[in-house]
Amino acid sequence: MKILITLALTALALFAGCGQDDVQAVREAAAVQDGDAKTADDALQAELVFCRRIGAKSGKRLEVGDSFKASDDERDRNIHAFADLRNLPPGVHQIHVVWLKPGGEELFRKYAEVSVAPADSARWRTQLVWKDGNNLHFSEPEEAVVGPAPELTVASRLNVAPDRKREPGTYAVKVYWNRELMLERNFHYVSGE
């Protein structure tokens, strides 16, 4: 009986995919300021990037940074956060993106499921499906990504249009992977005066 339980627990550990150690390695790499993080090429990797705009034709991130000035310009009504995830483990995973306002109070959160599976012998398919914790029937899938590596970008944004009256200060975004804090980064929103 003990052998059967041990085998079952070992199998669960092997199939669980990304565990606490993987998420801890991502947090440690993100904490390195100068890009000196040494991670294995096949290890889970993640980066959180903020920008003010996205190029309409190119899709390129414009005005990347961590300080954004209030503006009446229609093009500046959002601050975008992109969590770039690479070397994702196969399976279905949960991801939460949590926005915090100055003082640490939660503004809002977004929740999704990420499916990662081989598309064929040389490519991976990743699929992000947004969910709603209050409506179990809500499901908003994004277009699946098929490529040579299991990677995905999770995009979220904060509306800072003048009518929203966002207070200046330090905001934060936290990204949780399978309910473990993986990334956390601050940005500053300063008055336009």
N, C-alpha and C. Protein backbone atom coordinates (compact mmCIF):
# COMPACT_ATOMS: atom_id res chain seq x y z
N MET A 1 0.82 -1.19 0.00
CA MET A 1 0.00 0.00 0.00
C MET A 1 0.87 1.26 0.00
N LYS A 2 1.95 1.27 0.82
CA LYS A 2 2.83 2.42 0.87
C LYS A 2 3.50 2.68 -0.48
N ILE A 3 3.86 1.60 -1.17
CA ILE A 3 4.50 1.75 -2.48
C ILE A 3 3.51 2.37 -3.47
N LEU A 4 2.26 1.96 -3.44
CA LEU A 4 1.23 2.50 -4.34
C LEU A 4 1.01 3.99 -4.08
N ILE A 5 0.96 4.38 -2.83
CA ILE A 5 0.78 5.80 -2.48
C ILE A 5 2.00 6.60 -2.92
N THR A 6 3.21 6.07 -2.69
CA THR A 6 4.43 6.75 -3.11
C THR A 6 4.47 6.92 -4.62
N LEU A 7 4.12 5.87 -5.36
CA LEU A 7 4.08 5.97 -6.82
C LEU A 7 3.06 7.00 -7.28
N ALA A 8 1.90 7.02 -6.65
CA ALA A 8 0.86 7.99 -7.02
C ALA A 8 1.33 9.42 -6.76
N LEU A 9 1.97 9.65 -5.62
CA LEU A 9 2.47 10.98 -5.30
C LEU A 9 3.59 11.40 -6.26
N THR A 10 4.46 10.45 -6.62
CA THR A 10 5.53 10.75 -7.58
C THR A 10 4.94 11.11 -8.94
N ALA A 11 3.94 10.35 -9.37
CA ALA A 11 3.29 10.64 -10.66
C ALA A 11 2.63 12.01 -10.63
N LEU A 12 1.96 12.35 -9.53
CA LEU A 12 1.35 13.67 -9.43
C LEU A 12 2.39 14.77 -9.51
N ALA A 13 3.53 14.58 -8.86
CA ALA A 13 4.58 15.59 -8.90
C ALA A 13 5.12 15.75 -10.31
N LEU A 14 5.27 14.66 -11.04
CA LEU A 14 5.78 14.75 -12.41
C LEU A 14 4.80 15.43 -13.35
N PHE A 15 3.52 15.18 -13.17
CA PHE A 15 2.51 15.74 -14.07
C PHE A 15 2.01 17.10 -13.63
N ALA A 16 2.39 17.56 -12.46
CA ALA A 16 1.90 18.84 -11.95
C ALA A 16 2.44 20.02 -12.75
N GLY A 17 3.54 19.82 -13.44
CA GLY A 17 4.07 20.92 -14.27
C GLY A 17 4.83 21.91 -13.42
N CYS A 18 4.46 23.15 -13.55
CA CYS A 18 5.17 24.25 -12.92
C CYS A 18 4.87 24.28 -11.43
N GLY A 19 5.90 24.05 -10.62
CA GLY A 19 5.71 24.04 -9.19
C GLY A 19 6.27 25.28 -8.53
N GLN A 20 6.29 25.26 -7.23
CA GLN A 20 6.76 26.38 -6.44
C GLN A 20 8.20 26.74 -6.78
N ASP A 21 9.06 25.73 -7.01
CA ASP A 21 10.46 26.01 -7.33
C ASP A 21 10.59 26.78 -8.64
N ASP A 22 9.77 26.42 -9.66
CA ASP A 22 9.81 27.11 -10.94
C ASP A 22 9.39 28.57 -10.79
N VAL A 23 8.34 28.81 -10.03
CA VAL A 23 7.86 30.17 -9.81
C VAL A 23 8.88 30.97 -9.01
N GLN A 24 9.51 30.33 -8.01
CA GLN A 24 10.54 31.00 -7.22
C GLN A 24 11.72 31.41 -8.11
N ALA A 25 12.11 30.56 -9.05
CA ALA A 25 13.21 30.89 -9.95
C ALA A 25 12.86 32.10 -10.81
N VAL A 26 11.60 32.19 -11.25
CA VAL A 26 11.17 33.35 -12.04
C VAL A 26 11.24 34.61 -11.17
N ARG A 27 10.77 34.53 -9.93
CA ARG A 27 10.81 35.70 -9.04
C ARG A 27 12.24 36.16 -8.79
N GLU A 28 13.15 35.21 -8.58
CA GLU A 28 14.55 35.56 -8.34
C GLU A 28 15.16 36.22 -9.57
N ALA A 29 14.86 35.69 -10.75
CA ALA A 29 15.40 36.28 -11.98
C ALA A 29 14.84 37.68 -12.19
N ALA A 30 13.57 37.89 -11.88
CA ALA A 30 12.95 39.21 -12.05
C ALA A 30 13.52 40.22 -11.06
N ALA A 31 14.01 39.74 -9.92
CA ALA A 31 14.55 40.65 -8.90
C ALA A 31 15.93 41.17 -9.27
N VAL A 32 16.60 40.52 -10.19
CA VAL A 32 17.93 40.97 -10.60
C VAL A 32 17.77 42.21 -11.46
N GLN A 33 18.40 43.29 -11.06
CA GLN A 33 18.21 44.58 -11.72
C GLN A 33 18.95 44.71 -13.03
N ASP A 34 20.14 44.15 -13.15
CA ASP A 34 21.00 44.41 -14.30
C ASP A 34 20.90 43.36 -15.39
N GLY A 35 19.93 42.48 -15.33
CA GLY A 35 19.80 41.45 -16.35
C GLY A 35 20.85 40.36 -16.23
N ASP A 36 21.44 40.21 -15.03
CA ASP A 36 22.48 39.20 -14.83
C ASP A 36 21.91 37.85 -14.42
N ALA A 37 20.59 37.69 -14.47
CA ALA A 37 19.98 36.45 -14.02
C ALA A 37 20.44 35.30 -14.91
N LYS A 38 20.82 34.21 -14.27
CA LYS A 38 21.23 33.02 -14.99
C LYS A 38 20.14 31.97 -14.81
N THR A 39 19.40 31.67 -15.87
CA THR A 39 18.38 30.64 -15.81
C THR A 39 18.63 29.66 -16.93
N ALA A 40 18.24 28.43 -16.71
CA ALA A 40 18.40 27.41 -17.74
C ALA A 40 17.56 27.80 -18.95
N ASP A 41 18.05 27.45 -20.13
CA ASP A 41 17.35 27.81 -21.37
C ASP A 41 15.94 27.25 -21.43
N ASP A 42 15.69 26.11 -20.79
CA ASP A 42 14.37 25.49 -20.86
C ASP A 42 13.52 25.75 -19.61
N ALA A 43 14.01 26.59 -18.70
CA ALA A 43 13.26 26.91 -17.47
C ALA A 43 12.17 27.93 -17.77
N LEU A 44 11.10 27.88 -17.00
CA LEU A 44 10.03 28.87 -17.10
C LEU A 44 10.64 30.26 -16.91
N GLN A 45 10.30 31.18 -17.82
CA GLN A 45 10.81 32.55 -17.74
C GLN A 45 9.64 33.50 -17.91
N ALA A 46 9.71 34.64 -17.24
CA ALA A 46 8.64 35.63 -17.33
C ALA A 46 9.19 37.02 -17.12
N GLU A 47 8.55 37.98 -17.78
CA GLU A 47 8.94 39.37 -17.65
C GLU A 47 7.68 40.22 -17.72
N LEU A 48 7.63 41.27 -16.93
CA LEU A 48 6.49 42.18 -16.90
C LEU A 48 6.94 43.54 -17.44
N VAL A 49 6.26 44.01 -18.49
CA VAL A 49 6.65 45.24 -19.18
C VAL A 49 5.45 46.18 -19.23
N PHE A 50 5.70 47.48 -18.96
CA PHE A 50 4.65 48.50 -19.07
C PHE A 50 4.93 49.39 -20.27
N CYS A 51 3.87 49.82 -20.91
CA CYS A 51 4.01 50.81 -21.98
C CYS A 51 2.75 51.66 -22.05
N ARG A 52 2.88 52.79 -22.75
CA ARG A 52 1.76 53.73 -22.84
C ARG A 52 0.89 53.46 -24.06
N ARG A 53 1.52 53.05 -25.15
CA ARG A 53 0.78 52.85 -26.40
C ARG A 53 1.24 51.58 -27.10
N ILE A 54 0.40 51.15 -28.04
CA ILE A 54 0.72 50.02 -28.90
C ILE A 54 0.57 50.50 -30.34
N GLY A 55 1.59 50.29 -31.16
CA GLY A 55 1.55 50.73 -32.55
C GLY A 55 0.37 50.11 -33.29
N ALA A 56 -0.44 50.94 -33.95
CA ALA A 56 -1.64 50.47 -34.63
C ALA A 56 -1.31 49.49 -35.75
N LYS A 57 -0.26 49.75 -36.49
CA LYS A 57 0.10 48.87 -37.61
C LYS A 57 1.10 47.80 -37.20
N SER A 58 2.08 48.17 -36.40
CA SER A 58 3.16 47.24 -36.07
C SER A 58 2.85 46.36 -34.86
N GLY A 59 1.97 46.84 -33.97
CA GLY A 59 1.71 46.12 -32.73
C GLY A 59 2.85 46.28 -31.73
N LYS A 60 3.83 47.11 -32.07
CA LYS A 60 5.00 47.34 -31.22
C LYS A 60 4.61 48.14 -29.97
N ARG A 61 5.26 47.83 -28.88
CA ARG A 61 5.04 48.56 -27.63
C ARG A 61 5.77 49.89 -27.69
N LEU A 62 5.04 50.98 -27.47
CA LEU A 62 5.60 52.32 -27.55
C LEU A 62 5.62 52.96 -26.17
N GLU A 63 6.60 53.80 -25.94
CA GLU A 63 6.77 54.50 -24.65
C GLU A 63 6.83 53.50 -23.50
N VAL A 64 7.72 52.53 -23.64
CA VAL A 64 7.95 51.53 -22.59
C VAL A 64 8.65 52.21 -21.42
N GLY A 65 8.23 51.91 -20.22
CA GLY A 65 8.86 52.49 -19.04
C GLY A 65 8.13 52.13 -17.77
N ASP A 66 8.45 52.87 -16.73
CA ASP A 66 7.76 52.65 -15.45
C ASP A 66 7.32 53.96 -14.81
N SER A 67 7.23 55.02 -15.63
CA SER A 67 6.70 56.29 -15.17
C SER A 67 5.88 56.90 -16.30
N PHE A 68 4.63 57.26 -16.00
CA PHE A 68 3.71 57.76 -17.02
C PHE A 68 3.02 59.01 -16.50
N LYS A 69 2.97 60.02 -17.35
CA LYS A 69 2.39 61.30 -16.99
C LYS A 69 0.91 61.34 -17.41
N ALA A 70 0.08 61.91 -16.57
CA ALA A 70 -1.33 62.10 -16.90
C ALA A 70 -1.43 62.97 -18.16
N SER A 71 -2.39 62.68 -19.00
CA SER A 71 -2.51 63.39 -20.28
C SER A 71 -3.96 63.43 -20.72
N ASP A 72 -4.33 64.50 -21.42
CA ASP A 72 -5.66 64.60 -22.01
C ASP A 72 -5.72 63.97 -23.39
N ASP A 73 -4.57 63.59 -23.93
CA ASP A 73 -4.50 63.00 -25.27
C ASP A 73 -5.25 61.66 -25.29
N GLU A 74 -6.13 61.49 -26.26
CA GLU A 74 -6.92 60.26 -26.40
C GLU A 74 -6.01 59.03 -26.50
N ARG A 75 -4.84 59.18 -27.13
CA ARG A 75 -3.93 58.04 -27.30
C ARG A 75 -3.31 57.59 -25.99
N ASP A 76 -3.37 58.43 -24.97
CA ASP A 76 -2.74 58.12 -23.68
C ASP A 76 -3.73 57.67 -22.62
N ARG A 77 -4.87 57.17 -23.02
CA ARG A 77 -5.89 56.85 -22.02
C ARG A 77 -5.64 55.54 -21.27
N ASN A 78 -4.64 54.74 -21.71
CA ASN A 78 -4.36 53.47 -21.04
C ASN A 78 -2.89 53.34 -20.69
N ILE A 79 -2.63 52.56 -19.66
CA ILE A 79 -1.30 52.07 -19.36
C ILE A 79 -1.40 50.56 -19.52
N HIS A 80 -0.56 50.02 -20.39
CA HIS A 80 -0.62 48.60 -20.73
C HIS A 80 0.42 47.82 -19.92
N ALA A 81 0.06 46.63 -19.50
CA ALA A 81 0.99 45.70 -18.85
C ALA A 81 1.02 44.42 -19.68
N PHE A 82 2.22 43.96 -19.98
CA PHE A 82 2.40 42.72 -20.73
C PHE A 82 3.25 41.77 -19.91
N ALA A 83 2.72 40.60 -19.63
CA ALA A 83 3.49 39.53 -18.98
C ALA A 83 3.91 38.58 -20.09
N ASP A 84 5.19 38.61 -20.43
CA ASP A 84 5.74 37.74 -21.46
C ASP A 84 6.23 36.46 -20.79
N LEU A 85 5.61 35.34 -21.14
CA LEU A 85 5.90 34.05 -20.51
C LEU A 85 6.54 33.12 -21.55
N ARG A 86 7.66 32.50 -21.17
CA ARG A 86 8.37 31.60 -22.07
C ARG A 86 8.63 30.26 -21.38
N ASN A 87 8.77 29.22 -22.19
CA ASN A 87 9.04 27.86 -21.71
C ASN A 87 7.96 27.38 -20.75
N LEU A 88 6.72 27.57 -21.16
CA LEU A 88 5.60 27.16 -20.32
C LEU A 88 5.51 25.64 -20.24
N PRO A 89 5.20 25.11 -19.07
CA PRO A 89 5.04 23.66 -18.94
C PRO A 89 3.72 23.22 -19.57
N PRO A 90 3.68 22.00 -20.12
CA PRO A 90 2.43 21.50 -20.70
C PRO A 90 1.33 21.38 -19.64
N GLY A 91 0.09 21.48 -20.09
CA GLY A 91 -1.05 21.33 -19.20
C GLY A 91 -1.93 22.56 -19.20
N VAL A 92 -2.87 22.58 -18.27
CA VAL A 92 -3.78 23.72 -18.10
C VAL A 92 -3.39 24.41 -16.81
N HIS A 93 -3.18 25.71 -16.88
CA HIS A 93 -2.71 26.49 -15.75
C HIS A 93 -3.60 27.70 -15.53
N GLN A 94 -3.56 28.24 -14.33
CA GLN A 94 -4.30 29.46 -14.00
C GLN A 94 -3.34 30.64 -13.99
N ILE A 95 -3.84 31.78 -14.42
CA ILE A 95 -3.05 33.01 -14.32
C ILE A 95 -3.97 34.12 -13.84
N HIS A 96 -3.49 34.89 -12.89
CA HIS A 96 -4.22 36.05 -12.36
C HIS A 96 -3.34 37.28 -12.56
N VAL A 97 -3.93 38.35 -13.04
CA VAL A 97 -3.25 39.64 -13.16
C VAL A 97 -3.99 40.59 -12.23
N VAL A 98 -3.29 41.11 -11.23
CA VAL A 98 -3.90 41.95 -10.20
C VAL A 98 -3.28 43.34 -10.27
N TRP A 99 -4.13 44.36 -10.40
CA TRP A 99 -3.70 45.76 -10.41
C TRP A 99 -3.96 46.36 -9.04
N LEU A 100 -2.95 47.04 -8.48
CA LEU A 100 -3.06 47.67 -7.17
C LEU A 100 -2.87 49.17 -7.32
N LYS A 101 -3.68 49.93 -6.60
CA LYS A 101 -3.53 51.38 -6.65
C LYS A 101 -2.58 51.83 -5.54
N PRO A 102 -2.19 53.11 -5.53
CA PRO A 102 -1.31 53.59 -4.47
C PRO A 102 -1.88 53.24 -3.10
N GLY A 103 -1.03 52.78 -2.22
CA GLY A 103 -1.49 52.34 -0.90
C GLY A 103 -1.70 50.84 -0.85
N GLY A 104 -1.67 50.16 -2.01
CA GLY A 104 -1.76 48.71 -2.04
C GLY A 104 -3.14 48.11 -2.16
N GLU A 105 -4.17 48.94 -2.22
CA GLU A 105 -5.53 48.41 -2.34
C GLU A 105 -5.76 47.91 -3.76
N GLU A 106 -6.45 46.78 -3.88
CA GLU A 106 -6.70 46.19 -5.19
C GLU A 106 -7.67 47.04 -6.00
N LEU A 107 -7.29 47.33 -7.24
CA LEU A 107 -8.17 48.02 -8.19
C LEU A 107 -9.08 47.01 -8.88
N PHE A 108 -8.46 46.02 -9.51
CA PHE A 108 -9.19 44.95 -10.17
C PHE A 108 -8.24 43.81 -10.47
N ARG A 109 -8.82 42.68 -10.85
CA ARG A 109 -8.03 41.51 -11.24
C ARG A 109 -8.66 40.86 -12.45
N LYS A 110 -7.81 40.22 -13.22
CA LYS A 110 -8.26 39.44 -14.37
C LYS A 110 -7.76 38.02 -14.16
N TYR A 111 -8.59 37.06 -14.59
CA TYR A 111 -8.27 35.66 -14.40
C TYR A 111 -8.41 34.94 -15.72
N ALA A 112 -7.48 34.03 -16.00
CA ALA A 112 -7.55 33.26 -17.24
C ALA A 112 -7.00 31.86 -17.00
N GLU A 113 -7.32 30.98 -17.94
CA GLU A 113 -6.71 29.66 -17.98
C GLU A 113 -5.80 29.62 -19.20
N VAL A 114 -4.64 29.02 -19.03
CA VAL A 114 -3.67 28.89 -20.10
C VAL A 114 -3.51 27.40 -20.39
N SER A 115 -3.75 27.01 -21.65
CA SER A 115 -3.55 25.63 -22.07
C SER A 115 -2.29 25.56 -22.92
N VAL A 116 -1.43 24.62 -22.60
CA VAL A 116 -0.17 24.44 -23.32
C VAL A 116 -0.08 22.98 -23.75
N ALA A 117 0.08 22.75 -25.06
CA ALA A 117 0.15 21.38 -25.57
C ALA A 117 0.96 21.36 -26.87
N PRO A 118 1.58 20.23 -27.17
CA PRO A 118 2.27 20.13 -28.46
C PRO A 118 1.26 20.25 -29.61
N ALA A 119 1.60 21.05 -30.62
CA ALA A 119 0.74 21.17 -31.80
C ALA A 119 1.10 20.06 -32.79
N ASP A 120 2.37 19.74 -32.88
CA ASP A 120 2.89 18.64 -33.69
C ASP A 120 4.29 18.34 -33.15
N SER A 121 5.09 17.60 -33.89
CA SER A 121 6.40 17.19 -33.35
C SER A 121 7.38 18.35 -33.17
N ALA A 122 7.15 19.51 -33.81
CA ALA A 122 8.12 20.60 -33.73
C ALA A 122 7.53 21.90 -33.20
N ARG A 123 6.23 21.93 -32.90
CA ARG A 123 5.61 23.20 -32.49
C ARG A 123 4.73 22.99 -31.27
N TRP A 124 4.48 24.13 -30.60
CA TRP A 124 3.62 24.16 -29.42
C TRP A 124 2.41 25.03 -29.69
N ARG A 125 1.30 24.71 -29.02
CA ARG A 125 0.07 25.52 -29.11
C ARG A 125 -0.25 26.01 -27.71
N THR A 126 -0.36 27.34 -27.55
CA THR A 126 -0.77 27.92 -26.27
C THR A 126 -2.06 28.68 -26.49
N GLN A 127 -2.97 28.55 -25.56
CA GLN A 127 -4.29 29.18 -25.66
C GLN A 127 -4.62 29.85 -24.34
N LEU A 128 -4.99 31.12 -24.41
CA LEU A 128 -5.40 31.88 -23.23
C LEU A 128 -6.91 32.08 -23.30
N VAL A 129 -7.61 31.72 -22.24
CA VAL A 129 -9.06 31.89 -22.17
C VAL A 129 -9.39 32.68 -20.91
N TRP A 130 -9.90 33.91 -21.10
CA TRP A 130 -10.28 34.75 -19.97
C TRP A 130 -11.53 34.20 -19.32
N LYS A 131 -11.58 34.24 -18.00
CA LYS A 131 -12.71 33.73 -17.21
C LYS A 131 -13.23 34.84 -16.32
N ASP A 132 -14.39 34.58 -15.69
CA ASP A 132 -14.98 35.52 -14.75
C ASP A 132 -15.39 34.72 -13.52
N GLY A 133 -14.80 35.06 -12.38
CA GLY A 133 -15.09 34.34 -11.15
C GLY A 133 -16.53 34.44 -10.71
N ASN A 134 -17.25 35.47 -11.17
CA ASN A 134 -18.65 35.65 -10.78
C ASN A 134 -19.63 35.02 -11.76
N ASN A 135 -19.14 34.64 -12.93
CA ASN A 135 -19.99 34.04 -13.95
C ASN A 135 -19.28 32.81 -14.49
N LEU A 136 -19.65 31.64 -13.99
CA LEU A 136 -18.96 30.41 -14.35
C LEU A 136 -19.11 30.04 -15.82
N HIS A 137 -20.07 30.64 -16.52
CA HIS A 137 -20.28 30.33 -17.93
C HIS A 137 -19.51 31.26 -18.86
N PHE A 138 -18.90 32.31 -18.31
CA PHE A 138 -18.16 33.26 -19.13
C PHE A 138 -16.85 32.65 -19.59
N SER A 139 -16.57 32.80 -20.87
CA SER A 139 -15.33 32.29 -21.44
C SER A 139 -15.01 33.13 -22.66
N GLU A 140 -13.87 33.82 -22.64
CA GLU A 140 -13.47 34.67 -23.75
C GLU A 140 -12.08 34.25 -24.23
N PRO A 141 -12.02 33.34 -25.21
CA PRO A 141 -10.72 32.87 -25.67
C PRO A 141 -10.02 33.88 -26.58
N GLU A 142 -8.70 33.97 -26.42
CA GLU A 142 -7.89 34.74 -27.36
C GLU A 142 -7.42 33.78 -28.44
N GLU A 143 -6.92 34.32 -29.52
CA GLU A 143 -6.43 33.48 -30.60
C GLU A 143 -5.26 32.63 -30.11
N ALA A 144 -5.31 31.33 -30.44
CA ALA A 144 -4.24 30.43 -30.01
C ALA A 144 -2.93 30.82 -30.70
N VAL A 145 -1.83 30.60 -29.98
CA VAL A 145 -0.50 30.88 -30.52
C VAL A 145 0.18 29.54 -30.79
N VAL A 146 0.61 29.36 -32.04
CA VAL A 146 1.34 28.15 -32.41
C VAL A 146 2.72 28.57 -32.85
N GLY A 147 3.74 27.97 -32.23
CA GLY A 147 5.11 28.35 -32.55
C GLY A 147 6.10 27.30 -32.10
N PRO A 148 7.37 27.56 -32.33
CA PRO A 148 8.41 26.57 -32.00
C PRO A 148 8.64 26.39 -30.50
N ALA A 149 8.14 27.31 -29.69
CA ALA A 149 8.34 27.22 -28.24
C ALA A 149 7.01 27.50 -27.53
N PRO A 150 6.82 26.91 -26.34
CA PRO A 150 5.60 27.17 -25.58
C PRO A 150 5.70 28.52 -24.87
N GLU A 151 5.19 29.57 -25.53
CA GLU A 151 5.25 30.92 -24.97
C GLU A 151 3.96 31.66 -25.23
N LEU A 152 3.77 32.73 -24.46
CA LEU A 152 2.52 33.46 -24.52
C LEU A 152 2.72 34.84 -23.89
N THR A 153 1.99 35.82 -24.38
CA THR A 153 1.97 37.14 -23.75
C THR A 153 0.57 37.39 -23.21
N VAL A 154 0.50 37.75 -21.94
CA VAL A 154 -0.76 38.08 -21.29
C VAL A 154 -0.82 39.60 -21.19
N ALA A 155 -1.83 40.19 -21.83
CA ALA A 155 -1.95 41.65 -21.87
C ALA A 155 -3.12 42.11 -21.00
N SER A 156 -2.89 43.21 -20.31
CA SER A 156 -3.92 43.84 -19.49
C SER A 156 -3.67 45.34 -19.54
N ARG A 157 -4.67 46.13 -19.20
CA ARG A 157 -4.47 47.58 -19.23
C ARG A 157 -5.31 48.27 -18.17
N LEU A 158 -4.82 49.45 -17.78
CA LEU A 158 -5.50 50.30 -16.82
C LEU A 158 -5.92 51.57 -17.54
N ASN A 159 -7.20 51.89 -17.49
CA ASN A 159 -7.72 53.10 -18.11
C ASN A 159 -7.40 54.28 -17.20
N VAL A 160 -6.62 55.23 -17.71
CA VAL A 160 -6.25 56.43 -16.94
C VAL A 160 -6.77 57.69 -17.63
N ALA A 161 -7.85 57.56 -18.40
CA ALA A 161 -8.46 58.73 -19.04
C ALA A 161 -8.84 59.74 -17.96
N PRO A 162 -8.81 61.04 -18.28
CA PRO A 162 -9.10 62.06 -17.27
C PRO A 162 -10.41 61.85 -16.51
N ASP A 163 -11.45 61.34 -17.19
CA ASP A 163 -12.72 61.15 -16.50
C ASP A 163 -12.67 60.04 -15.44
N ARG A 164 -11.62 59.22 -15.45
CA ARG A 164 -11.47 58.17 -14.43
C ARG A 164 -10.88 58.72 -13.14
N LYS A 165 -10.28 59.90 -13.21
CA LYS A 165 -9.74 60.58 -12.03
C LYS A 165 -8.82 59.67 -11.21
N ARG A 166 -7.85 59.05 -11.88
CA ARG A 166 -6.88 58.19 -11.18
C ARG A 166 -5.93 59.05 -10.37
N GLU A 167 -5.71 58.67 -9.14
CA GLU A 167 -4.82 59.45 -8.28
C GLU A 167 -3.37 59.20 -8.66
N PRO A 168 -2.55 60.25 -8.61
CA PRO A 168 -1.12 60.06 -8.87
C PRO A 168 -0.50 59.19 -7.78
N GLY A 169 0.57 58.50 -8.12
CA GLY A 169 1.26 57.68 -7.13
C GLY A 169 1.84 56.43 -7.75
N THR A 170 2.23 55.52 -6.88
CA THR A 170 2.85 54.27 -7.30
C THR A 170 1.79 53.17 -7.36
N TYR A 171 1.61 52.65 -8.56
CA TYR A 171 0.70 51.52 -8.80
C TYR A 171 1.54 50.26 -8.94
N ALA A 172 0.91 49.12 -8.82
CA ALA A 172 1.63 47.85 -8.97
C ALA A 172 0.77 46.86 -9.74
N VAL A 173 1.45 45.94 -10.40
CA VAL A 173 0.79 44.81 -11.05
C VAL A 173 1.45 43.55 -10.52
N LYS A 174 0.63 42.60 -10.12
CA LYS A 174 1.11 41.29 -9.67
C LYS A 174 0.58 40.24 -10.62
N VAL A 175 1.41 39.28 -10.96
CA VAL A 175 1.01 38.18 -11.82
C VAL A 175 1.20 36.89 -11.03
N TYR A 176 0.13 36.13 -10.90
CA TYR A 176 0.15 34.85 -10.20
C TYR A 176 0.03 33.73 -11.21
N TRP A 177 0.85 32.69 -11.05
CA TRP A 177 0.83 31.51 -11.91
C TRP A 177 0.45 30.34 -11.02
N ASN A 178 -0.69 29.72 -11.31
CA ASN A 178 -1.20 28.62 -10.47
C ASN A 178 -1.24 29.02 -9.00
N ARG A 179 -1.74 30.25 -8.77
CA ARG A 179 -1.94 30.82 -7.43
C ARG A 179 -0.66 31.14 -6.66
N GLU A 180 0.48 31.10 -7.33
CA GLU A 180 1.76 31.47 -6.73
C GLU A 180 2.19 32.80 -7.33
N LEU A 181 2.58 33.76 -6.49
CA LEU A 181 3.06 35.04 -6.99
C LEU A 181 4.31 34.80 -7.82
N MET A 182 4.25 35.18 -9.11
CA MET A 182 5.37 34.98 -10.01
C MET A 182 6.10 36.29 -10.29
N LEU A 183 5.35 37.35 -10.56
CA LEU A 183 5.94 38.64 -10.91
C LEU A 183 5.22 39.75 -10.16
N GLU A 184 5.98 40.79 -9.83
CA GLU A 184 5.39 42.00 -9.25
C GLU A 184 6.25 43.17 -9.70
N ARG A 185 5.60 44.20 -10.20
CA ARG A 185 6.35 45.37 -10.66
C ARG A 185 5.52 46.62 -10.43
N ASN A 186 6.19 47.71 -10.08
CA ASN A 186 5.54 49.00 -9.85
C ASN A 186 5.72 49.93 -11.06
N PHE A 187 4.81 50.87 -11.17
CA PHE A 187 5.00 51.99 -12.10
C PHE A 187 4.44 53.23 -11.42
N HIS A 188 4.91 54.38 -11.89
CA HIS A 188 4.49 55.65 -11.30
C HIS A 188 3.58 56.38 -12.26
N TYR A 189 2.50 56.87 -11.72
CA TYR A 189 1.56 57.70 -12.50
C TYR A 189 1.61 59.09 -11.88
N VAL A 190 2.09 60.04 -12.67
CA VAL A 190 2.31 61.40 -12.13
C VAL A 190 1.36 62.39 -12.80
N SER A 191 1.02 63.43 -12.09
CA SER A 191 0.09 64.43 -12.63
C SER A 191 0.75 65.13 -13.81
N GLY A 192 -0.08 65.59 -14.74
CA GLY A 192 0.41 66.24 -15.95
C GLY A 192 0.78 67.70 -15.75
N GLU A 193 0.61 68.21 -14.58
CA GLU A 193 0.86 69.65 -14.32
C GLU A 193 2.33 69.95 -14.14
